[in-house]
Amino acid sequence: MQIQQIQLQLHPYLRLRGQPQAPLPEPEQGFIRWDMRYPIRSASFSTESSSRSWTRGRSAPATWPPTTDILVMSPAFPWAVEIHDPDGVTVGRVMETLDLELHQRVAKNEMPPDQEQFKRLATSYHNNRKELRGFLMEGMLRVDFLGERTEFGGLVQDEKLLGDRMNMMQYPNAFSLVCEPRMHEVAPVGVL
């Protein structure tokens, strides 16, 4: 008997922008617009006003078939984000967990050992505090690892990153966070 590996399909709101929507039915054209330097409550849907908080699709399953665990990594940061829900991970749970993880203070063991990488992180930290006029709490946050690429771009399966980080080429519940260059430079309406 041959066991087939199930290929998880991400909900369209979590997919990399421009990726085909099949086989899931397309709930609505558009994407979640979120500058990850701000809390998830500042996110909006691309077809609506940026002053209206994103609500649609929050309770939808993050994957098809639904799963209780998702792992999110990124080339931008050295840790992995574990998302767990015994009732099934939803789109909202993914976004809320990313928000919580990115707005934690950077632990000493997460600081880059390379001097050049540390300089980039420090520059990002200073630029974010200056640009956001103190909106982010004091201290270096994990979101500072993203540099100028703080716009949520979706999730993708990345076998190379998985291989580099976990020494495995296939893990259907693991995805890479795509970070895009910022679309806007000022705080979304209603955030400050």
Protein backbone atom coordinates (compact mmCIF):
# COMPACT_ATOMS: atom_id res chain seq x y z
CA MET A 1 0.00 0.00 0.00
CA GLN A 2 1.35 3.40 -0.97
CA ILE A 3 0.81 6.37 1.38
CA GLN A 4 0.27 9.65 -0.39
CA GLN A 5 1.45 12.89 1.17
CA ILE A 6 -1.28 15.51 1.36
CA GLN A 7 -0.37 18.87 -0.16
CA LEU A 8 -1.95 21.62 1.93
CA GLN A 9 -3.50 24.48 0.02
CA LEU A 10 -3.43 27.88 1.71
CA HIS A 11 -6.54 30.01 1.97
CA PRO A 12 -6.40 32.62 -0.84
CA TYR A 13 -6.03 35.48 1.67
CA LEU A 14 -2.80 33.90 2.96
CA ARG A 15 -1.29 33.01 -0.41
CA LEU A 16 1.43 34.97 -2.10
CA ARG A 17 -0.26 37.72 -4.10
CA GLY A 18 -0.76 36.66 -7.68
CA GLN A 19 -0.68 32.92 -6.97
CA PRO A 20 -3.46 30.96 -8.65
CA GLN A 21 -6.55 30.51 -6.48
CA ALA A 22 -7.47 26.94 -7.52
CA PRO A 23 -8.46 24.45 -6.20
CA LEU A 24 -10.18 26.43 -3.45
CA PRO A 25 -13.17 28.51 -4.46
CA GLU A 26 -12.17 32.13 -4.71
CA PRO A 27 -13.86 33.95 -1.81
CA GLU A 28 -13.18 37.40 -3.24
CA GLN A 29 -10.47 39.02 -5.27
CA GLY A 30 -8.10 40.94 -3.06
CA PHE A 31 -5.61 40.51 -0.28
CA ILE A 32 -4.89 41.47 3.30
CA ARG A 33 -3.04 44.78 3.45
CA TRP A 34 -0.87 44.91 6.59
CA ASP A 35 2.27 46.82 7.48
CA MET A 36 3.55 44.38 10.08
CA ARG A 37 5.12 47.17 12.17
CA TYR A 38 1.57 47.95 13.33
CA PRO A 39 -0.86 45.72 15.26
CA ILE A 40 -3.04 43.39 13.19
CA ARG A 41 -6.07 45.57 14.00
CA SER A 42 -4.58 48.10 11.55
CA ALA A 43 -4.80 45.61 8.65
CA SER A 44 -7.38 46.21 5.95
CA PHE A 45 -8.65 44.36 2.90
CA SER A 46 -7.32 45.62 -0.43
CA THR A 47 -10.76 46.22 -1.95
CA GLU A 48 -11.92 48.32 1.01
CA SER A 49 -10.89 51.62 2.57
CA SER A 50 -7.62 51.42 4.50
CA SER A 51 -9.45 53.02 7.44
CA ARG A 52 -11.69 49.94 7.78
CA SER A 53 -10.19 47.07 9.74
CA TRP A 54 -9.88 43.69 8.00
CA THR A 55 -12.62 41.25 9.05
CA ARG A 56 -13.52 38.97 6.14
CA GLY A 57 -12.18 35.47 6.13
CA ARG A 58 -10.79 35.61 9.69
CA SER A 59 -12.66 32.49 10.82
CA ALA A 60 -12.02 30.53 7.61
CA PRO A 61 -9.64 27.56 7.75
CA ALA A 62 -6.08 28.65 6.93
CA THR A 63 -5.55 25.55 4.78
CA TRP A 64 -7.42 22.91 2.86
CA PRO A 65 -7.68 20.32 4.18
CA PRO A 66 -7.80 22.03 7.58
CA THR A 67 -4.87 21.43 9.94
CA THR A 68 -4.22 21.98 13.64
CA ASP A 69 -0.59 23.08 13.23
CA ILE A 70 1.31 25.43 10.94
CA LEU A 71 4.96 26.47 11.10
CA VAL A 72 5.99 29.84 9.63
CA MET A 73 9.62 30.75 8.93
CA SER A 74 11.28 33.55 7.03
CA PRO A 75 14.73 34.28 5.62
CA ALA A 76 14.37 37.63 7.43
CA PHE A 77 14.46 36.16 10.95
CA PRO A 78 16.15 33.20 12.67
CA TRP A 79 13.20 31.69 14.57
CA ALA A 80 10.08 29.77 13.56
CA VAL A 81 6.52 30.74 14.46
CA GLU A 82 4.44 27.79 15.65
CA ILE A 83 0.69 28.18 15.21
CA HIS A 84 -1.56 25.65 16.91
CA ASP A 85 -5.30 25.36 17.33
CA PRO A 86 -6.89 22.01 18.25
CA ASP A 87 -10.07 23.09 16.43
CA GLY A 88 -8.14 23.91 13.24
CA VAL A 89 -5.92 26.90 12.42
CA THR A 90 -7.88 29.80 10.93
CA VAL A 91 -6.74 32.72 8.79
CA GLY A 92 -7.28 34.99 11.80
CA ARG A 93 -5.19 32.75 14.07
CA VAL A 94 -2.29 32.86 11.59
CA MET A 95 -2.37 36.65 11.40
CA GLU A 96 -2.84 37.17 15.16
CA THR A 97 0.02 34.79 15.98
CA LEU A 98 2.34 36.53 13.51
CA ASP A 99 1.37 39.85 15.11
CA LEU A 100 2.17 38.58 18.62
CA GLU A 101 5.47 37.04 17.54
CA LEU A 102 6.69 40.06 15.57
CA HIS A 103 5.93 42.51 18.39
CA GLN A 104 7.96 40.66 21.03
CA ARG A 105 11.28 42.04 22.18
CA VAL A 106 14.31 40.46 20.55
CA ALA A 107 15.97 37.98 22.91
CA LYS A 108 19.75 38.11 23.34
CA ASN A 109 20.14 34.71 21.65
CA GLU A 110 18.23 36.03 18.60
CA MET A 111 20.65 38.91 18.00
CA PRO A 112 22.68 38.39 14.83
CA PRO A 113 26.28 37.36 15.60
CA ASP A 114 27.50 38.93 12.35
CA GLN A 115 28.43 42.63 12.76
CA GLU A 116 27.00 43.61 9.36
CA GLN A 117 23.65 41.95 10.10
CA PHE A 118 23.56 43.63 13.52
CA LYS A 119 24.16 47.04 11.90
CA ARG A 120 21.22 46.44 9.51
CA LEU A 121 19.01 45.45 12.44
CA ALA A 122 20.04 48.53 14.47
CA THR A 123 19.39 50.79 11.47
CA SER A 124 15.95 49.26 11.01
CA TYR A 125 15.22 49.75 14.71
CA HIS A 126 16.21 53.44 14.60
CA ASN A 127 14.34 54.10 11.35
CA ASN A 128 11.18 52.45 12.70
CA ARG A 129 11.23 54.48 15.93
CA LYS A 130 11.88 57.73 14.06
CA GLU A 131 9.33 57.02 11.33
CA LEU A 132 6.64 55.73 13.66
CA ARG A 133 7.23 58.50 16.19
CA GLY A 134 7.59 56.10 19.09
CA PHE A 135 4.54 53.99 18.17
CA LEU A 136 6.53 50.80 18.67
CA MET A 137 7.47 50.16 22.28
CA GLU A 138 11.01 50.83 23.41
CA GLY A 139 13.57 48.16 22.82
CA MET A 140 14.37 46.20 19.71
CA LEU A 141 11.42 44.17 18.45
CA ARG A 142 11.37 41.13 16.21
CA VAL A 143 9.61 43.17 13.52
CA ASP A 144 12.84 45.20 13.21
CA PHE A 145 14.39 42.13 11.53
CA LEU A 146 12.17 42.85 8.50
CA GLY A 147 14.01 46.08 7.64
CA GLU A 148 12.21 47.98 4.87
CA ARG A 149 10.17 44.92 3.89
CA THR A 150 7.38 45.10 6.47
CA GLU A 151 4.35 44.66 4.20
CA PHE A 152 2.63 41.25 4.53
CA GLY A 153 3.02 39.53 1.16
CA GLY A 154 1.54 36.12 1.96
CA LEU A 155 2.91 32.66 2.69
CA VAL A 156 4.62 30.19 0.36
CA GLN A 157 6.12 26.74 0.65
CA ASP A 158 9.91 27.09 0.54
CA GLU A 159 11.76 23.79 0.42
CA LYS A 160 15.19 25.48 0.42
CA LEU A 161 14.49 27.42 3.63
CA LEU A 162 12.98 24.30 5.20
CA GLY A 163 16.06 22.30 4.23
CA ASP A 164 18.43 24.95 5.58
CA ARG A 165 16.59 25.37 8.90
CA MET A 166 15.29 21.88 9.64
CA ASN A 167 17.35 19.56 7.42
CA MET A 168 14.23 18.27 5.71
CA MET A 169 12.89 18.96 2.26
CA GLN A 170 9.20 18.23 2.85
CA TYR A 171 7.01 19.30 5.69
CA PRO A 172 3.57 20.16 4.33
CA ASN A 173 2.61 22.37 7.30
CA ALA A 174 5.64 24.69 6.96
CA PHE A 175 5.44 27.97 5.09
CA SER A 176 7.70 30.94 4.51
CA LEU A 177 6.52 34.48 5.26
CA VAL A 178 6.91 36.78 2.26
CA CYS A 179 7.81 40.33 3.29
CA GLU A 180 7.25 43.03 0.67
CA PRO A 181 8.54 46.61 0.57
CA ARG A 182 6.25 49.01 2.42
CA MET A 183 3.28 50.40 0.51
CA HIS A 184 2.74 53.33 2.84
CA GLU A 185 4.98 55.27 5.17
CA VAL A 186 2.47 56.79 7.58
CA ALA A 187 0.31 55.16 10.22
CA PRO A 188 -2.98 53.69 8.97
CA VAL A 189 -6.05 55.67 10.01
CA GLY A 190 -7.19 54.96 13.54
CA VAL A 191 -3.96 53.30 14.70
CA LEU A 192 -2.29 56.06 16.71
